[in-house]
């Protein structure tokens, strides 16, 4: 069953068409890849899919409910767009606990489990300002998955990760796919796209096409 349907989506800013008549059906239990040059529209499409920007034309549906009309933000969505931002003088656990308090859906144990899943020691007392780039990236992924969302939208999730980190996050995403999650990722690293994705879409000048092979 289609979980997300995008229909004739367009976004224009200051006369520049960043998304141009994009239509897409995405189903649970699959990983979808977005590829394209910088400025091609990948991140803008992710923002539009998640409710962070309002399109000039077209609709986004989650299970037949229209984004921006029937609801403002998808309830079961984990999101990582561009560089994750955290409170630098707090630990990773405290940062996630503060974020989790917004919805109040999960326990401290669920937060600890999310940290462990991305390869971070949940008992670490180090302030986030002392984290490496890779550790911050892992933390960004942890905040996206901690509430066990049905949909994950991850913009360049492998940024800053070493080889071991890339392997760990790959296996995590495949496990989430096996659990029936719908996952959309972008990556400049072609091997990650080839390894993970069931379908790949290329964006160029705001236009989308399915990549074959």
N, C-alpha and C. Protein backbone atom coordinates (compact mmCIF):
# COMPACT_ATOMS: atom_id res chain seq x y z
N UNK A 1 0.84 -1.20 0.00
CA UNK A 1 0.00 0.00 0.00
C UNK A 1 0.88 1.24 0.00
N UNK A 2 0.54 2.20 -0.83
CA UNK A 2 1.29 3.45 -0.88
C UNK A 2 1.11 4.23 0.42
N UNK A 3 2.20 4.62 1.02
CA UNK A 3 2.13 5.38 2.26
C UNK A 3 2.23 6.88 1.99
N UNK A 4 3.10 7.28 1.07
CA UNK A 4 3.24 8.69 0.70
C UNK A 4 2.97 8.84 -0.79
N UNK A 5 2.15 9.81 -1.13
CA UNK A 5 1.89 10.13 -2.53
C UNK A 5 2.18 11.61 -2.75
N UNK A 6 3.04 11.90 -3.69
CA UNK A 6 3.37 13.28 -4.06
C UNK A 6 2.80 13.52 -5.45
N UNK A 7 2.05 14.60 -5.58
CA UNK A 7 1.34 14.85 -6.83
C UNK A 7 1.62 16.25 -7.35
N UNK A 8 2.30 16.33 -8.51
CA UNK A 8 2.51 17.58 -9.26
C UNK A 8 3.09 18.69 -8.39
N UNK A 9 4.10 18.35 -7.60
CA UNK A 9 4.67 19.28 -6.63
C UNK A 9 5.59 20.29 -7.31
N UNK A 10 5.38 21.57 -6.99
CA UNK A 10 6.24 22.63 -7.50
C UNK A 10 6.58 23.60 -6.38
N UNK A 11 7.82 24.09 -6.40
CA UNK A 11 8.26 25.11 -5.45
C UNK A 11 9.12 26.12 -6.19
N UNK A 12 8.74 27.38 -6.05
CA UNK A 12 9.46 28.46 -6.71
C UNK A 12 9.83 29.52 -5.67
N UNK A 13 11.08 29.97 -5.71
CA UNK A 13 11.55 31.02 -4.82
C UNK A 13 12.28 32.07 -5.65
N UNK A 14 11.79 33.32 -5.57
CA UNK A 14 12.39 34.45 -6.29
C UNK A 14 12.58 34.15 -7.78
N UNK A 15 11.56 33.54 -8.35
CA UNK A 15 11.56 33.27 -9.79
C UNK A 15 12.29 32.02 -10.20
N UNK A 16 12.96 31.36 -9.26
CA UNK A 16 13.68 30.13 -9.58
C UNK A 16 12.81 28.93 -9.20
N UNK A 17 12.57 28.04 -10.15
CA UNK A 17 11.75 26.85 -9.90
C UNK A 17 12.64 25.75 -9.34
N UNK A 18 12.51 25.50 -8.03
CA UNK A 18 13.37 24.53 -7.35
C UNK A 18 12.82 23.12 -7.42
N UNK A 19 11.49 22.99 -7.51
CA UNK A 19 10.84 21.71 -7.75
C UNK A 19 9.89 21.90 -8.91
N UNK A 20 9.95 20.99 -9.89
CA UNK A 20 9.21 21.20 -11.13
C UNK A 20 8.34 19.99 -11.46
N UNK A 21 7.07 20.07 -11.05
CA UNK A 21 6.05 19.07 -11.41
C UNK A 21 6.49 17.66 -11.00
N UNK A 22 6.79 17.47 -9.73
CA UNK A 22 7.25 16.18 -9.23
C UNK A 22 6.08 15.36 -8.72
N UNK A 23 5.98 14.14 -9.21
CA UNK A 23 4.98 13.17 -8.74
C UNK A 23 5.70 11.88 -8.37
N UNK A 24 5.27 11.28 -7.25
CA UNK A 24 6.01 10.14 -6.72
C UNK A 24 5.11 9.36 -5.78
N UNK A 25 5.17 8.04 -5.86
CA UNK A 25 4.49 7.16 -4.91
C UNK A 25 5.53 6.36 -4.15
N UNK A 26 5.46 6.39 -2.83
CA UNK A 26 6.44 5.71 -1.98
C UNK A 26 5.72 4.76 -1.05
N UNK A 27 6.26 3.54 -0.92
CA UNK A 27 5.60 2.50 -0.14
C UNK A 27 6.45 2.08 1.05
N UNK A 28 5.78 1.68 2.11
CA UNK A 28 6.44 1.18 3.31
C UNK A 28 7.26 -0.06 2.99
N UNK A 29 8.34 -0.27 3.75
CA UNK A 29 9.19 -1.43 3.55
C UNK A 29 10.19 -1.27 2.43
N UNK A 30 10.43 -0.03 2.02
CA UNK A 30 11.39 0.26 0.95
C UNK A 30 12.31 1.40 1.36
N UNK A 31 13.50 1.40 0.76
CA UNK A 31 14.43 2.52 0.89
C UNK A 31 14.56 3.18 -0.47
N UNK A 32 14.30 4.47 -0.51
CA UNK A 32 14.37 5.24 -1.75
C UNK A 32 15.56 6.20 -1.69
N UNK A 33 16.29 6.27 -2.80
CA UNK A 33 17.45 7.15 -2.87
C UNK A 33 17.21 8.35 -3.75
N UNK A 34 17.71 9.51 -3.32
CA UNK A 34 17.68 10.73 -4.13
C UNK A 34 19.12 11.12 -4.43
N UNK A 35 19.42 11.28 -5.71
CA UNK A 35 20.75 11.72 -6.11
C UNK A 35 20.63 12.95 -6.98
N UNK A 36 21.71 13.72 -7.04
CA UNK A 36 21.72 14.94 -7.83
C UNK A 36 22.80 15.87 -7.33
N UNK A 37 23.17 16.82 -8.17
CA UNK A 37 24.19 17.79 -7.81
C UNK A 37 23.68 18.73 -6.72
N UNK A 38 24.60 19.45 -6.08
CA UNK A 38 24.21 20.48 -5.13
C UNK A 38 23.29 21.49 -5.80
N UNK A 39 22.20 21.83 -5.14
CA UNK A 39 21.24 22.78 -5.69
C UNK A 39 20.26 22.18 -6.68
N UNK A 40 20.28 20.85 -6.81
CA UNK A 40 19.39 20.20 -7.79
C UNK A 40 17.95 20.13 -7.32
N UNK A 41 17.73 20.20 -5.99
CA UNK A 41 16.37 20.12 -5.46
C UNK A 41 16.14 18.99 -4.48
N UNK A 42 17.18 18.20 -4.19
CA UNK A 42 17.02 17.04 -3.30
C UNK A 42 16.53 17.47 -1.91
N UNK A 43 17.25 18.39 -1.31
CA UNK A 43 16.89 18.82 0.05
C UNK A 43 15.56 19.55 0.06
N UNK A 44 15.28 20.33 -0.97
CA UNK A 44 13.99 21.03 -1.04
C UNK A 44 12.84 20.04 -1.12
N UNK A 45 13.01 18.95 -1.87
CA UNK A 45 11.97 17.94 -1.95
C UNK A 45 11.76 17.30 -0.58
N UNK A 46 12.83 17.01 0.12
CA UNK A 46 12.71 16.44 1.47
C UNK A 46 11.99 17.39 2.41
N UNK A 47 12.31 18.66 2.31
CA UNK A 47 11.62 19.66 3.15
C UNK A 47 10.14 19.72 2.82
N UNK A 48 9.81 19.68 1.53
CA UNK A 48 8.40 19.73 1.14
C UNK A 48 7.66 18.48 1.58
N UNK A 49 8.32 17.32 1.51
CA UNK A 49 7.72 16.06 1.93
C UNK A 49 7.43 16.04 3.43
N UNK A 50 8.24 16.77 4.19
CA UNK A 50 8.13 16.72 5.65
C UNK A 50 7.32 17.88 6.23
N UNK A 51 6.88 18.81 5.40
CA UNK A 51 6.07 19.91 5.90
C UNK A 51 6.87 21.12 6.33
N UNK A 52 8.18 21.14 6.06
CA UNK A 52 9.01 22.27 6.46
C UNK A 52 8.90 23.45 5.51
N UNK A 53 8.50 23.18 4.27
CA UNK A 53 8.21 24.26 3.32
C UNK A 53 6.86 23.99 2.67
N UNK A 54 6.21 25.05 2.25
CA UNK A 54 4.90 24.93 1.60
C UNK A 54 5.09 25.06 0.10
N UNK A 55 4.66 24.08 -0.68
CA UNK A 55 4.83 24.16 -2.13
C UNK A 55 3.92 25.23 -2.74
N UNK A 56 4.31 25.73 -3.90
CA UNK A 56 3.46 26.66 -4.63
C UNK A 56 2.32 25.94 -5.34
N UNK A 57 2.54 24.66 -5.61
CA UNK A 57 1.54 23.88 -6.33
C UNK A 57 1.75 22.42 -5.98
N UNK A 58 0.65 21.65 -6.03
CA UNK A 58 0.74 20.22 -5.80
C UNK A 58 0.44 19.84 -4.37
N UNK A 59 0.41 18.53 -4.13
CA UNK A 59 0.02 18.01 -2.82
C UNK A 59 0.94 16.86 -2.40
N UNK A 60 1.03 16.70 -1.08
CA UNK A 60 1.71 15.55 -0.48
C UNK A 60 0.71 14.87 0.43
N UNK A 61 0.54 13.55 0.26
CA UNK A 61 -0.41 12.79 1.07
C UNK A 61 0.32 11.72 1.87
N UNK A 62 -0.06 11.59 3.11
CA UNK A 62 0.35 10.47 3.96
C UNK A 62 -0.89 9.65 4.25
N UNK A 63 -0.93 8.45 3.70
CA UNK A 63 -2.10 7.58 3.88
C UNK A 63 -3.41 8.33 3.63
N UNK A 64 -3.47 9.00 2.49
CA UNK A 64 -4.67 9.70 2.01
C UNK A 64 -5.03 10.96 2.80
N UNK A 65 -4.17 11.37 3.72
CA UNK A 65 -4.36 12.63 4.43
C UNK A 65 -3.40 13.66 3.86
N UNK A 66 -3.91 14.85 3.51
CA UNK A 66 -3.09 15.84 2.82
C UNK A 66 -2.27 16.67 3.79
N UNK A 67 -0.97 16.70 3.54
CA UNK A 67 -0.06 17.52 4.33
C UNK A 67 -0.38 19.00 4.11
N UNK A 68 -0.48 19.75 5.22
CA UNK A 68 -0.78 21.17 5.13
C UNK A 68 -2.25 21.50 5.12
N UNK A 69 -3.09 20.45 4.98
CA UNK A 69 -4.54 20.64 5.00
C UNK A 69 -5.17 19.82 6.12
N UNK A 70 -4.94 18.52 6.09
CA UNK A 70 -5.48 17.65 7.14
C UNK A 70 -4.58 17.61 8.37
N UNK A 71 -3.31 17.91 8.20
CA UNK A 71 -2.35 17.99 9.30
C UNK A 71 -1.18 18.86 8.86
N UNK A 72 -0.47 19.44 9.84
CA UNK A 72 0.62 20.36 9.52
C UNK A 72 1.97 19.66 9.44
N UNK A 73 2.13 18.58 10.21
CA UNK A 73 3.40 17.88 10.25
C UNK A 73 3.12 16.40 10.47
N UNK A 74 3.76 15.52 9.71
CA UNK A 74 3.50 14.09 9.88
C UNK A 74 3.82 13.63 11.30
N UNK A 75 2.88 12.90 11.89
CA UNK A 75 3.06 12.50 13.29
C UNK A 75 4.13 11.44 13.46
N UNK A 76 4.27 10.56 12.48
CA UNK A 76 5.22 9.45 12.61
C UNK A 76 6.33 9.59 11.58
N UNK A 77 7.11 10.66 11.75
CA UNK A 77 8.20 10.99 10.84
C UNK A 77 9.47 11.26 11.62
N UNK A 78 10.57 10.61 11.22
CA UNK A 78 11.89 10.91 11.73
C UNK A 78 12.66 11.66 10.66
N UNK A 79 13.32 12.75 11.05
CA UNK A 79 13.85 13.68 10.06
C UNK A 79 15.28 14.10 10.39
N UNK A 80 16.13 14.07 9.37
CA UNK A 80 17.47 14.63 9.48
C UNK A 80 17.72 15.42 8.21
N UNK A 81 17.70 16.74 8.32
CA UNK A 81 17.91 17.62 7.17
C UNK A 81 19.16 18.45 7.42
N UNK A 82 20.12 18.31 6.51
CA UNK A 82 21.39 19.04 6.59
C UNK A 82 22.08 18.78 7.93
N UNK A 83 22.84 19.74 8.44
CA UNK A 83 23.65 19.52 9.64
C UNK A 83 22.78 19.54 10.89
N UNK A 84 22.82 18.47 11.69
CA UNK A 84 22.00 18.47 12.92
C UNK A 84 22.50 19.50 13.92
N UNK A 85 21.58 20.17 14.60
CA UNK A 85 21.94 21.16 15.60
C UNK A 85 21.51 20.72 16.99
N UNK A 86 22.40 20.86 17.95
CA UNK A 86 22.11 20.44 19.33
C UNK A 86 22.60 21.49 20.31
N UNK A 87 22.14 21.38 21.55
CA UNK A 87 22.61 22.25 22.63
C UNK A 87 23.98 21.76 23.06
N UNK A 88 25.01 22.54 22.79
CA UNK A 88 26.38 22.07 22.90
C UNK A 88 26.84 21.82 24.33
N UNK A 89 26.22 22.48 25.30
CA UNK A 89 26.66 22.34 26.69
C UNK A 89 25.89 21.27 27.45
N UNK A 90 25.15 20.45 26.72
CA UNK A 90 24.45 19.32 27.32
C UNK A 90 24.97 18.02 26.72
N UNK A 91 24.73 16.92 27.41
CA UNK A 91 25.11 15.62 26.88
C UNK A 91 24.16 15.20 25.77
N UNK A 92 24.56 14.15 25.07
CA UNK A 92 23.70 13.63 24.00
C UNK A 92 22.36 13.14 24.56
N UNK A 93 22.40 12.48 25.72
CA UNK A 93 21.16 11.98 26.31
C UNK A 93 20.22 13.12 26.68
N UNK A 94 20.76 14.17 27.30
CA UNK A 94 19.93 15.31 27.70
C UNK A 94 19.32 15.99 26.49
N UNK A 95 20.10 16.14 25.41
CA UNK A 95 19.56 16.71 24.18
C UNK A 95 18.37 15.92 23.68
N UNK A 96 18.51 14.60 23.63
CA UNK A 96 17.40 13.77 23.12
C UNK A 96 16.22 13.76 24.07
N UNK A 97 16.50 13.81 25.36
CA UNK A 97 15.40 13.85 26.35
C UNK A 97 14.58 15.14 26.20
N UNK A 98 15.26 16.25 25.96
CA UNK A 98 14.55 17.51 25.74
C UNK A 98 13.70 17.45 24.48
N UNK A 99 14.24 16.88 23.41
CA UNK A 99 13.47 16.72 22.17
C UNK A 99 12.28 15.79 22.38
N UNK A 100 12.51 14.70 23.10
CA UNK A 100 11.44 13.73 23.33
C UNK A 100 10.32 14.31 24.18
N UNK A 101 10.63 15.29 25.02
CA UNK A 101 9.61 15.89 25.90
C UNK A 101 8.55 16.66 25.12
N UNK A 102 8.84 17.01 23.86
CA UNK A 102 7.87 17.76 23.05
C UNK A 102 6.61 16.93 22.84
N UNK A 103 6.79 15.65 22.48
CA UNK A 103 5.64 14.77 22.27
C UNK A 103 5.34 13.90 23.48
N UNK A 104 6.35 13.62 24.29
CA UNK A 104 6.15 12.78 25.47
C UNK A 104 5.74 11.36 25.14
N UNK A 105 6.25 10.82 24.03
CA UNK A 105 5.83 9.50 23.57
C UNK A 105 6.73 8.38 24.06
N UNK A 106 7.98 8.69 24.41
CA UNK A 106 8.94 7.62 24.67
C UNK A 106 9.59 7.76 26.03
N UNK A 107 10.12 6.64 26.51
CA UNK A 107 10.77 6.58 27.82
C UNK A 107 12.26 6.88 27.69
N UNK A 108 12.91 7.06 28.84
CA UNK A 108 14.36 7.22 28.86
C UNK A 108 15.04 5.99 28.26
N UNK A 109 14.48 4.82 28.49
CA UNK A 109 15.07 3.61 27.96
C UNK A 109 15.04 3.59 26.43
N UNK A 110 13.98 4.11 25.83
CA UNK A 110 13.90 4.18 24.37
C UNK A 110 14.98 5.12 23.83
N UNK A 111 15.26 6.20 24.55
CA UNK A 111 16.32 7.12 24.15
C UNK A 111 17.67 6.41 24.22
N UNK A 112 17.91 5.69 25.30
CA UNK A 112 19.17 4.95 25.44
C UNK A 112 19.33 3.92 24.32
N UNK A 113 18.25 3.25 23.99
CA UNK A 113 18.31 2.24 22.93
C UNK A 113 18.64 2.88 21.58
N UNK A 114 18.07 4.06 21.31
CA UNK A 114 18.36 4.76 20.05
C UNK A 114 19.83 5.14 19.98
N UNK A 115 20.39 5.61 21.08
CA UNK A 115 21.81 5.97 21.11
C UNK A 115 22.68 4.75 20.85
N UNK A 116 22.35 3.65 21.46
CA UNK A 116 23.13 2.43 21.28
C UNK A 116 23.02 1.91 19.84
N UNK A 117 21.85 2.06 19.24
CA UNK A 117 21.65 1.58 17.87
C UNK A 117 22.55 2.30 16.87
N UNK A 118 22.86 3.57 17.15
CA UNK A 118 23.71 4.33 16.22
C UNK A 118 25.18 4.27 16.64
N UNK A 119 25.48 3.48 17.67
CA UNK A 119 26.87 3.31 18.06
C UNK A 119 27.39 4.31 19.05
N UNK A 120 26.52 4.97 19.80
CA UNK A 120 26.94 5.90 20.85
C UNK A 120 26.69 5.28 22.22
N UNK A 121 27.63 5.44 23.12
CA UNK A 121 27.49 4.95 24.49
C UNK A 121 26.46 5.82 25.21
N UNK A 122 25.34 5.22 25.58
CA UNK A 122 24.25 5.99 26.20
C UNK A 122 24.63 6.55 27.56
N UNK A 123 25.68 6.03 28.18
CA UNK A 123 26.10 6.49 29.50
C UNK A 123 27.20 7.55 29.44
N UNK A 124 27.63 7.90 28.25
CA UNK A 124 28.69 8.88 28.07
C UNK A 124 28.27 10.24 28.63
N UNK A 125 29.13 10.88 29.42
CA UNK A 125 28.81 12.16 30.06
C UNK A 125 29.43 13.36 29.33
N UNK A 126 30.03 13.13 28.20
CA UNK A 126 30.69 14.18 27.43
C UNK A 126 29.67 15.16 26.85
N UNK A 127 29.96 16.46 26.96
CA UNK A 127 29.09 17.47 26.36
C UNK A 127 29.20 17.38 24.84
N UNK A 128 28.11 17.71 24.17
CA UNK A 128 28.06 17.59 22.71
C UNK A 128 29.09 18.50 22.03
N UNK A 129 29.48 19.60 22.66
CA UNK A 129 30.47 20.48 22.05
C UNK A 129 31.80 19.77 21.83
N UNK A 130 32.04 18.70 22.56
CA UNK A 130 33.28 17.95 22.42
C UNK A 130 33.15 16.74 21.49
N UNK A 131 31.98 16.58 20.88
CA UNK A 131 31.76 15.47 19.96
C UNK A 131 32.50 15.72 18.65
N UNK A 132 32.96 14.66 18.03
CA UNK A 132 33.48 14.74 16.66
C UNK A 132 32.32 14.92 15.69
N UNK A 133 32.65 15.25 14.45
CA UNK A 133 31.61 15.39 13.42
C UNK A 133 30.82 14.10 13.26
N UNK A 134 31.54 12.97 13.28
CA UNK A 134 30.86 11.69 13.13
C UNK A 134 29.93 11.38 14.29
N UNK A 135 30.34 11.72 15.51
CA UNK A 135 29.49 11.50 16.68
C UNK A 135 28.23 12.36 16.60
N UNK A 136 28.37 13.61 16.14
CA UNK A 136 27.20 14.48 15.98
C UNK A 136 26.25 13.92 14.92
N UNK A 137 26.83 13.35 13.88
CA UNK A 137 25.98 12.76 12.84
C UNK A 137 25.22 11.55 13.38
N UNK A 138 25.89 10.72 14.15
CA UNK A 138 25.22 9.58 14.78
C UNK A 138 24.09 10.07 15.69
N UNK A 139 24.35 11.15 16.42
CA UNK A 139 23.34 11.70 17.31
C UNK A 139 22.14 12.22 16.52
N UNK A 140 22.42 12.82 15.37
CA UNK A 140 21.32 13.29 14.51
C UNK A 140 20.45 12.15 14.04
N UNK A 141 21.07 11.03 13.71
CA UNK A 141 20.30 9.85 13.29
C UNK A 141 19.52 9.28 14.47
N UNK A 142 20.15 9.29 15.66
CA UNK A 142 19.45 8.79 16.85
C UNK A 142 18.18 9.58 17.13
N UNK A 143 18.22 10.92 16.98
CA UNK A 143 17.00 11.70 17.23
C UNK A 143 15.94 11.40 16.19
N UNK A 144 16.37 11.03 14.98
CA UNK A 144 15.39 10.72 13.93
C UNK A 144 14.68 9.39 14.19
N UNK A 145 15.38 8.43 14.79
CA UNK A 145 14.79 7.09 14.95
C UNK A 145 14.20 6.84 16.33
N UNK A 146 14.46 7.71 17.31
CA UNK A 146 14.18 7.36 18.70
C UNK A 146 12.70 7.13 19.00
N UNK A 147 11.80 7.79 18.27
CA UNK A 147 10.37 7.61 18.52
C UNK A 147 9.76 6.52 17.63
N UNK A 148 10.61 5.71 17.00
CA UNK A 148 10.18 4.60 16.16
C UNK A 148 9.17 5.03 15.09
N UNK A 149 9.54 6.03 14.28
CA UNK A 149 8.60 6.54 13.27
C UNK A 149 8.41 5.57 12.12
N UNK A 150 7.28 5.69 11.44
CA UNK A 150 6.99 4.87 10.28
C UNK A 150 7.74 5.36 9.04
N UNK A 151 8.10 6.64 9.02
CA UNK A 151 8.80 7.24 7.88
C UNK A 151 10.07 7.90 8.37
N UNK A 152 11.17 7.67 7.63
CA UNK A 152 12.44 8.33 7.90
C UNK A 152 12.87 9.08 6.65
N UNK A 153 13.18 10.37 6.81
CA UNK A 153 13.72 11.18 5.72
C UNK A 153 15.09 11.67 6.18
N UNK A 154 16.14 11.19 5.52
CA UNK A 154 17.50 11.42 5.98
C UNK A 154 18.33 12.06 4.86
N UNK A 155 18.72 13.28 5.07
CA UNK A 155 19.51 14.04 4.10
C UNK A 155 20.99 13.84 4.40
N UNK A 156 21.69 13.13 3.52
CA UNK A 156 23.13 12.86 3.69
C UNK A 156 23.45 12.25 5.06
N UNK A 157 22.83 11.13 5.40
CA UNK A 157 23.04 10.55 6.74
C UNK A 157 24.46 10.03 6.99
N UNK A 158 25.27 9.86 5.93
CA UNK A 158 26.61 9.30 6.10
C UNK A 158 27.69 10.37 6.21
N UNK A 159 27.30 11.64 6.19
CA UNK A 159 28.28 12.72 6.30
C UNK A 159 29.09 12.59 7.59
N UNK A 160 30.40 12.67 7.47
CA UNK A 160 31.26 12.69 8.65
C UNK A 160 31.54 11.34 9.27
N UNK A 161 30.94 10.27 8.75
CA UNK A 161 31.14 8.95 9.34
C UNK A 161 32.37 8.27 8.75
N UNK A 162 33.10 7.56 9.60
CA UNK A 162 34.21 6.75 9.12
C UNK A 162 33.66 5.44 8.54
N UNK A 163 34.55 4.60 8.06
CA UNK A 163 34.12 3.37 7.41
C UNK A 163 33.27 2.50 8.33
N UNK A 164 33.69 2.38 9.58
CA UNK A 164 32.94 1.58 10.55
C UNK A 164 31.55 2.19 10.77
N UNK A 165 31.49 3.50 10.88
CA UNK A 165 30.21 4.17 11.08
C UNK A 165 29.28 3.99 9.91
N UNK A 166 29.81 4.09 8.69
CA UNK A 166 29.00 3.89 7.49
C UNK A 166 28.40 2.48 7.50
N UNK A 167 29.23 1.48 7.81
CA UNK A 167 28.74 0.11 7.84
C UNK A 167 27.64 -0.07 8.88
N UNK A 168 27.82 0.54 10.06
CA UNK A 168 26.84 0.40 11.13
C UNK A 168 25.51 1.05 10.77
N UNK A 169 25.57 2.23 10.17
CA UNK A 169 24.33 2.93 9.81
C UNK A 169 23.64 2.23 8.64
N UNK A 170 24.43 1.71 7.72
CA UNK A 170 23.83 0.91 6.64
C UNK A 170 23.01 -0.24 7.20
N UNK A 171 23.60 -0.99 8.12
CA UNK A 171 22.91 -2.15 8.67
C UNK A 171 21.70 -1.73 9.50
N UNK A 172 21.80 -0.59 10.18
CA UNK A 172 20.65 -0.07 10.92
C UNK A 172 19.50 0.24 9.97
N UNK A 173 19.79 0.90 8.85
CA UNK A 173 18.73 1.26 7.90
C UNK A 173 18.11 0.02 7.28
N UNK A 174 18.91 -0.98 7.00
CA UNK A 174 18.35 -2.22 6.45
C UNK A 174 17.47 -2.93 7.47
N UNK A 175 17.85 -2.86 8.75
CA UNK A 175 17.01 -3.46 9.79
C UNK A 175 15.68 -2.71 9.91
N UNK A 176 15.73 -1.40 9.80
CA UNK A 176 14.50 -0.59 9.87
C UNK A 176 13.61 -0.87 8.66
N UNK A 177 14.21 -1.04 7.51
CA UNK A 177 13.45 -1.43 6.32
C UNK A 177 12.75 -2.76 6.54
N UNK A 178 13.48 -3.72 7.12
CA UNK A 178 12.91 -5.04 7.39
C UNK A 178 11.72 -4.94 8.33
N UNK A 179 11.74 -3.93 9.22
CA UNK A 179 10.63 -3.70 10.14
C UNK A 179 9.45 -2.99 9.47
N UNK A 180 9.59 -2.69 8.17
CA UNK A 180 8.48 -2.09 7.44
C UNK A 180 8.50 -0.58 7.34
N UNK A 181 9.61 0.05 7.71
CA UNK A 181 9.68 1.50 7.63
C UNK A 181 9.83 1.96 6.18
N UNK A 182 9.36 3.17 5.91
CA UNK A 182 9.57 3.82 4.63
C UNK A 182 10.72 4.80 4.82
N UNK A 183 11.79 4.63 4.05
CA UNK A 183 13.00 5.41 4.25
C UNK A 183 13.38 6.12 2.96
N UNK A 184 13.66 7.41 3.06
CA UNK A 184 14.15 8.21 1.93
C UNK A 184 15.50 8.79 2.33
N UNK A 185 16.53 8.54 1.53
CA UNK A 185 17.84 9.09 1.83
C UNK A 185 18.40 9.80 0.61
N UNK A 186 19.25 10.78 0.86
CA UNK A 186 20.08 11.34 -0.19
C UNK A 186 21.53 11.07 0.19
N UNK A 187 22.38 10.92 -0.80
CA UNK A 187 23.80 10.70 -0.52
C UNK A 187 24.61 11.04 -1.75
N UNK A 188 25.77 11.67 -1.50
CA UNK A 188 26.72 11.89 -2.59
C UNK A 188 27.59 10.67 -2.82
N UNK A 189 27.49 9.70 -1.92
CA UNK A 189 28.30 8.49 -2.02
C UNK A 189 27.49 7.41 -2.75
N UNK A 190 27.85 7.18 -4.00
CA UNK A 190 27.07 6.29 -4.85
C UNK A 190 26.99 4.88 -4.30
N UNK A 191 28.05 4.41 -3.64
CA UNK A 191 28.02 3.03 -3.14
C UNK A 191 26.97 2.85 -2.06
N UNK A 192 26.71 3.89 -1.26
CA UNK A 192 25.65 3.79 -0.25
C UNK A 192 24.28 3.68 -0.91
N UNK A 193 24.06 4.46 -1.93
CA UNK A 193 22.79 4.42 -2.67
C UNK A 193 22.59 3.04 -3.30
N UNK A 194 23.63 2.55 -3.96
CA UNK A 194 23.53 1.25 -4.64
C UNK A 194 23.30 0.12 -3.64
N UNK A 195 23.94 0.21 -2.48
CA UNK A 195 23.86 -0.85 -1.49
C UNK A 195 22.48 -0.91 -0.82
N UNK A 196 21.89 0.25 -0.59
CA UNK A 196 20.71 0.33 0.26
C UNK A 196 19.38 0.40 -0.48
N UNK A 197 19.36 1.04 -1.63
CA UNK A 197 18.08 1.52 -2.16
C UNK A 197 17.37 0.53 -3.08
N UNK A 198 16.06 0.45 -2.89
CA UNK A 198 15.20 -0.34 -3.77
C UNK A 198 14.91 0.41 -5.06
N UNK A 199 14.77 1.72 -4.96
CA UNK A 199 14.58 2.57 -6.13
C UNK A 199 15.38 3.84 -5.94
N UNK A 200 15.90 4.35 -7.05
CA UNK A 200 16.72 5.57 -7.01
C UNK A 200 16.13 6.59 -7.98
N UNK A 201 16.05 7.83 -7.52
CA UNK A 201 15.53 8.92 -8.34
C UNK A 201 16.58 10.02 -8.44
N UNK A 202 16.77 10.48 -9.65
CA UNK A 202 17.73 11.56 -9.88
C UNK A 202 16.99 12.88 -10.05
N UNK A 203 17.49 13.91 -9.39
CA UNK A 203 16.91 15.25 -9.52
C UNK A 203 17.92 16.14 -10.23
N UNK A 204 17.45 16.85 -11.23
CA UNK A 204 18.28 17.82 -11.95
C UNK A 204 17.41 19.02 -12.28
N UNK A 205 17.84 20.20 -11.83
CA UNK A 205 17.08 21.43 -12.07
C UNK A 205 15.63 21.31 -11.64
N UNK A 206 15.42 20.63 -10.51
CA UNK A 206 14.08 20.51 -9.94
C UNK A 206 13.20 19.46 -10.57
N UNK A 207 13.70 18.74 -11.56
CA UNK A 207 12.93 17.70 -12.23
C UNK A 207 13.40 16.33 -11.77
N UNK A 208 12.45 15.42 -11.66
CA UNK A 208 12.73 14.10 -11.11
C UNK A 208 12.59 13.04 -12.19
N UNK A 209 13.54 12.08 -12.17
CA UNK A 209 13.38 10.93 -13.05
C UNK A 209 13.88 9.68 -12.33
N UNK A 210 13.25 8.56 -12.61
CA UNK A 210 13.65 7.28 -12.01
C UNK A 210 14.88 6.77 -12.73
N UNK A 211 15.88 6.37 -11.93
CA UNK A 211 17.09 5.81 -12.52
C UNK A 211 16.89 4.31 -12.72
N UNK A 212 17.21 3.84 -13.91
CA UNK A 212 17.09 2.43 -14.24
C UNK A 212 18.47 1.79 -14.13
N UNK A 213 18.57 0.67 -13.39
CA UNK A 213 19.83 -0.04 -13.26
C UNK A 213 20.75 0.59 -12.25
